[in-house]
């Protein structure tokens, strides 16, 4: 039986602040239970290039996403994790849910996650796209969590990507040293707890093997904001927790562009 992959992207998360906040119990449990790797992102530490690297297994030079405008990108020839999993085995079902449109919305710039209309029509690929930039990430993240928990519970997609941006939004608005950032981390952590529970129940009821993987695209400077090459802005991590299977035996360190291949290798 192939392992089902759930990749959760938490935008703009500074892990030490989260772990020390007292508001991230689910994140703490998953870190202690799983494989943990610190990871350093390449500058510019902007969501466009960083998520393009993490989701396609490409360097900045390869995907050519230089900023959040996505001008001149090579994403059409740099397929994402979900697409690569499907092309390797066309029985694969995939799911993506995000509130930042460039990741999943074909109507705008990008998207990083390929649309794959034929697979959507066949019920093999489902995409939930919301607009947190317009309606706020506190509200939109909750909608994304609802959709993701439903998808895991009812369908159990083979490879999924779920994205939360509430913490990053709070960091931009109020910096990362005050209560607003910590409160947003607490809300994201509650979404993680629901997803973890849904995966655990699904694995037990269906005898499935799952791998929950958490990562972030960048950190922030203390006053909020990112894009530079400071250590806190470039700091990322990978937490990988097996459910119904063992944790992966991954290297102690690897580059951000290595994550996709590591995940695909776990499917076999």
C-alpha atoms as a PDB file:
ATOM      1  CA  UNK A   1       0.000   0.000   0.000  1.00  0.00           C
ATOM      2  CA  UNK A   2       1.381   3.390  -1.004  1.00  0.00           C
ATOM      3  CA  UNK A   3       1.789   6.126   1.575  1.00  0.00           C
ATOM      4  CA  UNK A   4      -0.624   9.040   1.359  1.00  0.00           C
ATOM      5  CA  UNK A   5       1.082  12.425   1.639  1.00  0.00           C
ATOM      6  CA  UNK A   6      -0.399  15.483   3.374  1.00  0.00           C
ATOM      7  CA  UNK A   7       1.879  18.501   2.971  1.00  0.00           C
ATOM      8  CA  UNK A   8       0.822  21.444   5.132  1.00  0.00           C
ATOM      9  CA  UNK A   9       2.323  24.834   4.314  1.00  0.00           C
ATOM     10  CA  UNK A  10       2.280  27.417   7.111  1.00  0.00           C
ATOM     11  CA  UNK A  11       3.282  30.733   5.626  1.00  0.00           C
ATOM     12  CA  UNK A  12       5.660  32.975   7.546  1.00  0.00           C
ATOM     13  CA  UNK A  13       6.027  30.759  10.625  1.00  0.00           C
ATOM     14  CA  UNK A  14       8.976  31.329  12.945  1.00  0.00           C
ATOM     15  CA  UNK A  15       9.187  27.937  14.605  1.00  0.00           C
ATOM     16  CA  UNK A  16      10.965  28.939  17.853  1.00  0.00           C
ATOM     17  CA  UNK A  17       8.350  31.615  18.545  1.00  0.00           C
ATOM     18  CA  UNK A  18       5.577  29.116  17.861  1.00  0.00           C
ATOM     19  CA  UNK A  19       7.041  26.451  20.125  1.00  0.00           C
ATOM     20  CA  UNK A  20       7.709  28.926  22.940  1.00  0.00           C
ATOM     21  CA  UNK A  21       4.319  30.597  22.657  1.00  0.00           C
ATOM     22  CA  UNK A  22       2.272  28.045  24.569  1.00  0.00           C
ATOM     23  CA  UNK A  23      -0.271  28.299  21.748  1.00  0.00           C
ATOM     24  CA  UNK A  24       1.060  25.559  19.463  1.00  0.00           C
ATOM     25  CA  UNK A  25       0.342  22.274  21.225  1.00  0.00           C
ATOM     26  CA  UNK A  26      -0.426  20.349  18.011  1.00  0.00           C
ATOM     27  CA  UNK A  27       2.713  21.638  16.320  1.00  0.00           C
ATOM     28  CA  UNK A  28       4.765  20.705  19.395  1.00  0.00           C
ATOM     29  CA  UNK A  29       3.328  17.183  19.478  1.00  0.00           C
ATOM     30  CA  UNK A  30       4.033  16.651  15.777  1.00  0.00           C
ATOM     31  CA  UNK A  31       7.592  17.962  16.063  1.00  0.00           C
ATOM     32  CA  UNK A  32       8.376  15.666  18.982  1.00  0.00           C
ATOM     33  CA  UNK A  33       6.757  12.669  17.273  1.00  0.00           C
ATOM     34  CA  UNK A  34       8.273  13.109  13.834  1.00  0.00           C
ATOM     35  CA  UNK A  35      11.420  13.577  11.810  1.00  0.00           C
ATOM     36  CA  UNK A  36      12.687  17.153  12.117  1.00  0.00           C
ATOM     37  CA  UNK A  37      15.015  19.030   9.798  1.00  0.00           C
ATOM     38  CA  UNK A  38      15.999  22.675   9.881  1.00  0.00           C
ATOM     39  CA  UNK A  39      16.097  24.167   6.413  1.00  0.00           C
ATOM     40  CA  UNK A  40      17.465  27.410   4.974  1.00  0.00           C
ATOM     41  CA  UNK A  41      15.574  29.154   2.196  1.00  0.00           C
ATOM     42  CA  UNK A  42      17.297  31.053  -0.583  1.00  0.00           C
ATOM     43  CA  UNK A  43      16.774  34.798  -0.872  1.00  0.00           C
ATOM     44  CA  UNK A  44      14.642  36.576  -1.831  1.00  0.00           C
ATOM     45  CA  UNK A  45      12.537  35.314   1.049  1.00  0.00           C
ATOM     46  CA  UNK A  46       9.226  36.036  -0.644  1.00  0.00           C
ATOM     47  CA  UNK A  47       6.281  33.652  -0.843  1.00  0.00           C
ATOM     48  CA  UNK A  48       6.286  33.422  -4.638  1.00  0.00           C
ATOM     49  CA  UNK A  49       9.795  32.076  -5.151  1.00  0.00           C
ATOM     50  CA  UNK A  50       9.915  30.153  -1.862  1.00  0.00           C
ATOM     51  CA  UNK A  51       6.669  28.208  -2.369  1.00  0.00           C
ATOM     52  CA  UNK A  52       7.581  27.636  -6.003  1.00  0.00           C
ATOM     53  CA  UNK A  53      10.781  25.960  -4.824  1.00  0.00           C
ATOM     54  CA  UNK A  54       9.115  23.917  -2.091  1.00  0.00           C
ATOM     55  CA  UNK A  55       6.231  22.751  -4.288  1.00  0.00           C
ATOM     56  CA  UNK A  56       8.066  22.035  -7.548  1.00  0.00           C
ATOM     57  CA  UNK A  57      11.468  20.840  -6.334  1.00  0.00           C
ATOM     58  CA  UNK A  58      13.120  23.536  -8.431  1.00  0.00           C
ATOM     59  CA  UNK A  59      15.672  26.190  -7.655  1.00  0.00           C
ATOM     60  CA  UNK A  60      14.897  29.864  -8.143  1.00  0.00           C
ATOM     61  CA  UNK A  61      16.852  29.802 -11.387  1.00  0.00           C
ATOM     62  CA  UNK A  62      14.849  26.833 -12.662  1.00  0.00           C
ATOM     63  CA  UNK A  63      11.323  28.068 -11.905  1.00  0.00           C
ATOM     64  CA  UNK A  64      12.214  31.745 -12.558  1.00  0.00           C
ATOM     65  CA  UNK A  65       9.778  33.114  -9.976  1.00  0.00           C
ATOM     66  CA  UNK A  66      11.618  36.173  -8.701  1.00  0.00           C
ATOM     67  CA  UNK A  67       8.898  37.773  -6.566  1.00  0.00           C
ATOM     68  CA  UNK A  68       5.166  37.731  -5.901  1.00  0.00           C
ATOM     69  CA  UNK A  69       4.322  39.089  -9.374  1.00  0.00           C
ATOM     70  CA  UNK A  70       5.386  35.790 -11.020  1.00  0.00           C
ATOM     71  CA  UNK A  71       6.447  37.624 -14.192  1.00  0.00           C
ATOM     72  CA  UNK A  72       8.241  35.387 -16.698  1.00  0.00           C
ATOM     73  CA  UNK A  73       7.941  32.250 -14.605  1.00  0.00           C
ATOM     74  CA  UNK A  74       8.727  28.735 -15.846  1.00  0.00           C
ATOM     75  CA  UNK A  75       6.044  26.977 -13.805  1.00  0.00           C
ATOM     76  CA  UNK A  76       4.425  25.395 -16.858  1.00  0.00           C
ATOM     77  CA  UNK A  77       7.545  23.275 -17.310  1.00  0.00           C
ATOM     78  CA  UNK A  78       8.239  22.828 -13.589  1.00  0.00           C
ATOM     79  CA  UNK A  79       5.319  20.633 -12.418  1.00  0.00           C
ATOM     80  CA  UNK A  80       4.317  20.660  -8.775  1.00  0.00           C
ATOM     81  CA  UNK A  81       4.357  17.802  -6.269  1.00  0.00           C
ATOM     82  CA  UNK A  82       0.744  16.793  -6.949  1.00  0.00           C
ATOM     83  CA  UNK A  83       1.213  16.771 -10.705  1.00  0.00           C
ATOM     84  CA  UNK A  84       4.455  14.819 -10.513  1.00  0.00           C
ATOM     85  CA  UNK A  85       2.799  12.213  -8.309  1.00  0.00           C
ATOM     86  CA  UNK A  86      -0.017  11.843 -10.838  1.00  0.00           C
ATOM     87  CA  UNK A  87       2.307  11.623 -13.836  1.00  0.00           C
ATOM     88  CA  UNK A  88       4.263   8.874 -12.058  1.00  0.00           C
ATOM     89  CA  UNK A  89       1.057   6.893 -11.388  1.00  0.00           C
ATOM     90  CA  UNK A  90      -2.127   7.996 -13.116  1.00  0.00           C
ATOM     91  CA  UNK A  91      -4.347   6.305 -10.549  1.00  0.00           C
ATOM     92  CA  UNK A  92      -3.182   8.941  -8.022  1.00  0.00           C
ATOM     93  CA  UNK A  93      -5.792  11.265  -6.504  1.00  0.00           C
ATOM     94  CA  UNK A  94      -4.711  14.752  -5.462  1.00  0.00           C
ATOM     95  CA  UNK A  95      -6.105  17.681  -3.469  1.00  0.00           C
ATOM     96  CA  UNK A  96      -4.993  21.273  -2.935  1.00  0.00           C
ATOM     97  CA  UNK A  97      -6.545  23.999  -0.783  1.00  0.00           C
ATOM     98  CA  UNK A  98      -5.129  27.484  -0.307  1.00  0.00           C
ATOM     99  CA  UNK A  99      -6.255  31.021   0.360  1.00  0.00           C
ATOM    100  CA  UNK A 100      -3.391  32.735  -1.450  1.00  0.00           C
ATOM    101  CA  UNK A 101      -4.578  32.750  -5.083  1.00  0.00           C
ATOM    102  CA  UNK A 102      -1.186  32.464  -6.861  1.00  0.00           C
ATOM    103  CA  UNK A 103      -0.788  28.972  -5.412  1.00  0.00           C
ATOM    104  CA  UNK A 104      -3.969  27.468  -6.829  1.00  0.00           C
ATOM    105  CA  UNK A 105      -6.149  29.931  -8.780  1.00  0.00           C
ATOM    106  CA  UNK A 106      -5.764  29.606 -12.571  1.00  0.00           C
ATOM    107  CA  UNK A 107      -7.608  32.907 -13.107  1.00  0.00           C
ATOM    108  CA  UNK A 108      -4.621  34.939 -11.935  1.00  0.00           C
ATOM    109  CA  UNK A 109      -0.854  34.765 -11.858  1.00  0.00           C
ATOM    110  CA  UNK A 110       0.619  31.307 -11.583  1.00  0.00           C
ATOM    111  CA  UNK A 111      -0.735  29.013 -10.323  1.00  0.00           C
ATOM    112  CA  UNK A 112       2.054  26.979  -8.751  1.00  0.00           C
ATOM    113  CA  UNK A 113      -0.264  23.948  -8.439  1.00  0.00           C
ATOM    114  CA  UNK A 114      -1.187  22.961 -11.994  1.00  0.00           C
ATOM    115  CA  UNK A 115      -4.878  23.078 -12.874  1.00  0.00           C
ATOM    116  CA  UNK A 116      -5.052  19.652 -14.597  1.00  0.00           C
ATOM    117  CA  UNK A 117      -8.623  20.077 -15.831  1.00  0.00           C
ATOM    118  CA  UNK A 118      -8.915  16.548 -17.210  1.00  0.00           C
ATOM    119  CA  UNK A 119      -8.156  15.067 -13.796  1.00  0.00           C
ATOM    120  CA  UNK A 120     -10.574  17.482 -12.143  1.00  0.00           C
ATOM    121  CA  UNK A 121     -13.341  16.331 -14.494  1.00  0.00           C
ATOM    122  CA  UNK A 122     -12.467  12.711 -13.712  1.00  0.00           C
ATOM    123  CA  UNK A 123     -12.620  13.331  -9.968  1.00  0.00           C
ATOM    124  CA  UNK A 124      -8.917  12.665  -9.459  1.00  0.00           C
ATOM    125  CA  UNK A 125      -7.836  16.222  -8.680  1.00  0.00           C
ATOM    126  CA  UNK A 126      -9.714  18.716  -6.527  1.00  0.00           C
ATOM    127  CA  UNK A 127      -8.671  22.318  -5.926  1.00  0.00           C
ATOM    128  CA  UNK A 128     -10.134  24.662  -3.302  1.00  0.00           C
ATOM    129  CA  UNK A 129      -9.169  28.280  -4.033  1.00  0.00           C
ATOM    130  CA  UNK A 130     -10.075  31.155  -1.726  1.00  0.00           C
ATOM    131  CA  UNK A 131      -8.969  34.797  -1.548  1.00  0.00           C
ATOM    132  CA  UNK A 132      -7.429  35.641   1.796  1.00  0.00           C
ATOM    133  CA  UNK A 133      -5.996  38.867   0.419  1.00  0.00           C
ATOM    134  CA  UNK A 134      -9.538  40.211   0.025  1.00  0.00           C
ATOM    135  CA  UNK A 135     -11.456  38.517   2.821  1.00  0.00           C
ATOM    136  CA  UNK A 136      -8.738  38.071   5.449  1.00  0.00           C
ATOM    137  CA  UNK A 137      -6.746  34.985   6.303  1.00  0.00           C
ATOM    138  CA  UNK A 138      -8.303  34.404   9.705  1.00  0.00           C
ATOM    139  CA  UNK A 139     -11.632  33.684   7.984  1.00  0.00           C
ATOM    140  CA  UNK A 140     -10.204  32.035   4.885  1.00  0.00           C
ATOM    141  CA  UNK A 141      -7.836  29.705   6.761  1.00  0.00           C
ATOM    142  CA  UNK A 142     -10.824  28.378   8.693  1.00  0.00           C
ATOM    143  CA  UNK A 143     -12.618  27.661   5.407  1.00  0.00           C
ATOM    144  CA  UNK A 144      -9.510  25.941   4.047  1.00  0.00           C
ATOM    145  CA  UNK A 145      -9.289  23.809   7.199  1.00  0.00           C
ATOM    146  CA  UNK A 146     -12.945  22.781   6.889  1.00  0.00           C
ATOM    147  CA  UNK A 147     -12.445  21.755   3.247  1.00  0.00           C
ATOM    148  CA  UNK A 148      -9.237  19.872   4.002  1.00  0.00           C
ATOM    149  CA  UNK A 149     -10.667  17.952   6.960  1.00  0.00           C
ATOM    150  CA  UNK A 150     -13.663  16.973   4.825  1.00  0.00           C
ATOM    151  CA  UNK A 151     -11.401  15.841   1.969  1.00  0.00           C
ATOM    152  CA  UNK A 152      -9.204  13.741   4.246  1.00  0.00           C
ATOM    153  CA  UNK A 153     -12.192  12.198   6.018  1.00  0.00           C
ATOM    154  CA  UNK A 154     -14.379  11.451   3.017  1.00  0.00           C
ATOM    155  CA  UNK A 155     -11.915  10.897   0.155  1.00  0.00           C
ATOM    156  CA  UNK A 156      -8.444  10.340   1.590  1.00  0.00           C
ATOM    157  CA  UNK A 157      -6.539  11.864  -1.373  1.00  0.00           C
ATOM    158  CA  UNK A 158      -3.217  10.225  -2.175  1.00  0.00           C
ATOM    159  CA  UNK A 159      -1.237  13.485  -2.256  1.00  0.00           C
ATOM    160  CA  UNK A 160      -2.491  16.768  -0.773  1.00  0.00           C
ATOM    161  CA  UNK A 161      -1.261  20.299  -0.182  1.00  0.00           C
ATOM    162  CA  UNK A 162      -3.025  22.504   2.384  1.00  0.00           C
ATOM    163  CA  UNK A 163      -1.933  26.085   3.023  1.00  0.00           C
ATOM    164  CA  UNK A 164      -2.485  28.484   5.941  1.00  0.00           C
ATOM    165  CA  UNK A 165      -1.487  32.176   5.958  1.00  0.00           C
ATOM    166  CA  UNK A 166      -3.013  33.661   9.131  1.00  0.00           C
ATOM    167  CA  UNK A 167       0.322  33.799  10.974  1.00  0.00           C
ATOM    168  CA  UNK A 168       2.118  35.489   8.080  1.00  0.00           C
ATOM    169  CA  UNK A 169      -0.686  38.036   7.767  1.00  0.00           C
ATOM    170  CA  UNK A 170      -0.433  38.861  11.465  1.00  0.00           C
ATOM    171  CA  UNK A 171       3.342  39.184  11.199  1.00  0.00           C
ATOM    172  CA  UNK A 172       2.996  41.730   8.408  1.00  0.00           C
ATOM    173  CA  UNK A 173       0.362  43.739  10.249  1.00  0.00           C
ATOM    174  CA  UNK A 174       1.773  43.759  13.772  1.00  0.00           C
ATOM    175  CA  UNK A 175       5.259  42.245  13.785  1.00  0.00           C
ATOM    176  CA  UNK A 176       6.157  38.909  15.329  1.00  0.00           C
ATOM    177  CA  UNK A 177       7.032  39.930  18.879  1.00  0.00           C
ATOM    178  CA  UNK A 178       3.544  40.712  20.186  1.00  0.00           C
ATOM    179  CA  UNK A 179       0.283  38.975  20.934  1.00  0.00           C
ATOM    180  CA  UNK A 180      -1.258  39.246  17.461  1.00  0.00           C
ATOM    181  CA  UNK A 181       1.301  36.911  15.895  1.00  0.00           C
ATOM    182  CA  UNK A 182       1.027  34.397  18.737  1.00  0.00           C
ATOM    183  CA  UNK A 183      -2.774  34.441  18.591  1.00  0.00           C
ATOM    184  CA  UNK A 184      -2.637  33.732  14.858  1.00  0.00           C
ATOM    185  CA  UNK A 185      -0.256  30.847  15.511  1.00  0.00           C
ATOM    186  CA  UNK A 186      -2.812  29.475  17.956  1.00  0.00           C
ATOM    187  CA  UNK A 187      -5.537  29.579  15.320  1.00  0.00           C
ATOM    188  CA  UNK A 188      -3.334  27.810  12.757  1.00  0.00           C
ATOM    189  CA  UNK A 189      -2.391  25.244  15.384  1.00  0.00           C
ATOM    190  CA  UNK A 190      -6.075  24.473  15.945  1.00  0.00           C
ATOM    191  CA  UNK A 191      -6.397  23.763  12.212  1.00  0.00           C
ATOM    192  CA  UNK A 192      -3.372  21.454  12.438  1.00  0.00           C
ATOM    193  CA  UNK A 193      -4.923  19.595  15.347  1.00  0.00           C
ATOM    194  CA  UNK A 194      -8.086  18.960  13.319  1.00  0.00           C
ATOM    195  CA  UNK A 195      -6.090  17.712  10.340  1.00  0.00           C
ATOM    196  CA  UNK A 196      -3.953  15.447  12.516  1.00  0.00           C
ATOM    197  CA  UNK A 197      -7.060  13.944  14.092  1.00  0.00           C
ATOM    198  CA  UNK A 198      -8.723  13.445  10.702  1.00  0.00           C
ATOM    199  CA  UNK A 199      -5.653  11.679   9.307  1.00  0.00           C
ATOM    200  CA  UNK A 200      -5.322   9.490  12.408  1.00  0.00           C
ATOM    201  CA  UNK A 201      -8.974   8.410  12.253  1.00  0.00           C
ATOM    202  CA  UNK A 202      -8.765   7.803   8.514  1.00  0.00           C
ATOM    203  CA  UNK A 203      -5.615   5.686   8.871  1.00  0.00           C
ATOM    204  CA  UNK A 204      -7.169   3.603  11.637  1.00  0.00           C
ATOM    205  CA  UNK A 205     -10.526   3.068   9.931  1.00  0.00           C
ATOM    206  CA  UNK A 206      -9.142   2.241   6.489  1.00  0.00           C
ATOM    207  CA  UNK A 207      -5.799   0.671   7.385  1.00  0.00           C
ATOM    208  CA  UNK A 208      -3.966   3.385   5.427  1.00  0.00           C
ATOM    209  CA  UNK A 209      -0.409   4.672   5.647  1.00  0.00           C
ATOM    210  CA  UNK A 210      -0.042   8.460   5.895  1.00  0.00           C
ATOM    211  CA  UNK A 211       2.786  10.963   6.124  1.00  0.00           C
ATOM    212  CA  UNK A 212       1.968  14.419   7.513  1.00  0.00           C
ATOM    213  CA  UNK A 213       4.614  16.973   6.539  1.00  0.00           C
ATOM    214  CA  UNK A 214       4.798  20.559   7.779  1.00  0.00           C
ATOM    215  CA  UNK A 215       6.956  23.361   6.416  1.00  0.00           C
ATOM    216  CA  UNK A 216       7.167  27.126   5.984  1.00  0.00           C
ATOM    217  CA  UNK A 217       8.439  29.369   3.227  1.00  0.00           C
ATOM    218  CA  UNK A 218      10.214  32.038   5.286  1.00  0.00           C
ATOM    219  CA  UNK A 219      10.293  33.872   8.595  1.00  0.00           C
ATOM    220  CA  UNK A 220      10.019  37.584   9.394  1.00  0.00           C
ATOM    221  CA  UNK A 221      12.107  40.368  10.812  1.00  0.00           C
ATOM    222  CA  UNK A 222      10.946  41.254  14.332  1.00  0.00           C
ATOM    223  CA  UNK A 223       8.953  44.275  13.195  1.00  0.00           C
ATOM    224  CA  UNK A 224       7.247  42.230  10.503  1.00  0.00           C
ATOM    225  CA  UNK A 225       8.089  41.705   6.862  1.00  0.00           C
ATOM    226  CA  UNK A 226      10.510  39.568   4.880  1.00  0.00           C
ATOM    227  CA  UNK A 227      12.347  39.319   1.594  1.00  0.00           C
ATOM    228  CA  UNK A 228      15.911  39.773   2.788  1.00  0.00           C
ATOM    229  CA  UNK A 229      18.655  37.323   3.637  1.00  0.00           C
ATOM    230  CA  UNK A 230      18.768  37.525   7.428  1.00  0.00           C
ATOM    231  CA  UNK A 231      18.915  34.226   9.299  1.00  0.00           C
ATOM    232  CA  UNK A 232      15.416  34.665  10.747  1.00  0.00           C
ATOM    233  CA  UNK A 233      13.925  35.440   7.336  1.00  0.00           C
ATOM    234  CA  UNK A 234      15.624  32.439   5.702  1.00  0.00           C
ATOM    235  CA  UNK A 235      14.802  29.968   8.490  1.00  0.00           C
ATOM    236  CA  UNK A 236      12.509  27.109   7.563  1.00  0.00           C
ATOM    237  CA  UNK A 237      11.966  23.546   8.720  1.00  0.00           C
ATOM    238  CA  UNK A 238      10.421  20.218   7.814  1.00  0.00           C
ATOM    239  CA  UNK A 239       8.467  18.072  10.263  1.00  0.00           C
ATOM    240  CA  UNK A 240       7.421  14.659   8.919  1.00  0.00           C
ATOM    241  CA  UNK A 241       5.206  12.350  10.984  1.00  0.00           C
ATOM    242  CA  UNK A 242       4.171   8.877   9.937  1.00  0.00           C
ATOM    243  CA  UNK A 243       0.625   7.787  10.787  1.00  0.00           C
ATOM    244  CA  UNK A 244       0.072   4.065  10.326  1.00  0.00           C
ATOM    245  CA  UNK A 245       3.731   3.823   9.261  1.00  0.00           C
ATOM    246  CA  UNK A 246       7.163   4.832  10.539  1.00  0.00           C
ATOM    247  CA  UNK A 247       8.706   8.260  10.185  1.00  0.00           C
ATOM    248  CA  UNK A 248      10.888   8.773   7.102  1.00  0.00           C
ATOM    249  CA  UNK A 249      14.643   8.256   7.320  1.00  0.00           C
ATOM    250  CA  UNK A 250      15.618  11.555   5.737  1.00  0.00           C
ATOM    251  CA  UNK A 251      18.994  13.322   5.912  1.00  0.00           C
ATOM    252  CA  UNK A 252      19.690  15.624   8.836  1.00  0.00           C
ATOM    253  CA  UNK A 253      19.838  18.498   6.379  1.00  0.00           C
ATOM    254  CA  UNK A 254      18.746  19.081   2.793  1.00  0.00           C
ATOM    255  CA  UNK A 255      17.954  21.947   0.439  1.00  0.00           C
ATOM    256  CA  UNK A 256      14.386  23.244  -0.014  1.00  0.00           C
ATOM    257  CA  UNK A 257      14.344  22.019  -3.614  1.00  0.00           C
ATOM    258  CA  UNK A 258      14.981  18.460  -2.359  1.00  0.00           C
ATOM    259  CA  UNK A 259      11.680  18.171  -0.474  1.00  0.00           C
ATOM    260  CA  UNK A 260       9.479  17.201  -3.437  1.00  0.00           C
ATOM    261  CA  UNK A 261      11.654  14.248  -4.430  1.00  0.00           C
ATOM    262  CA  UNK A 262      11.858  13.063  -0.832  1.00  0.00           C
ATOM    263  CA  UNK A 263       8.056  13.097  -0.650  1.00  0.00           C
ATOM    264  CA  UNK A 264       7.680  11.280  -3.949  1.00  0.00           C
ATOM    265  CA  UNK A 265      10.123   8.621  -2.797  1.00  0.00           C
ATOM    266  CA  UNK A 266       7.923   7.988   0.259  1.00  0.00           C
ATOM    267  CA  UNK A 267       5.011   7.077  -2.030  1.00  0.00           C
ATOM    268  CA  UNK A 268       6.690   3.877  -3.219  1.00  0.00           C
END
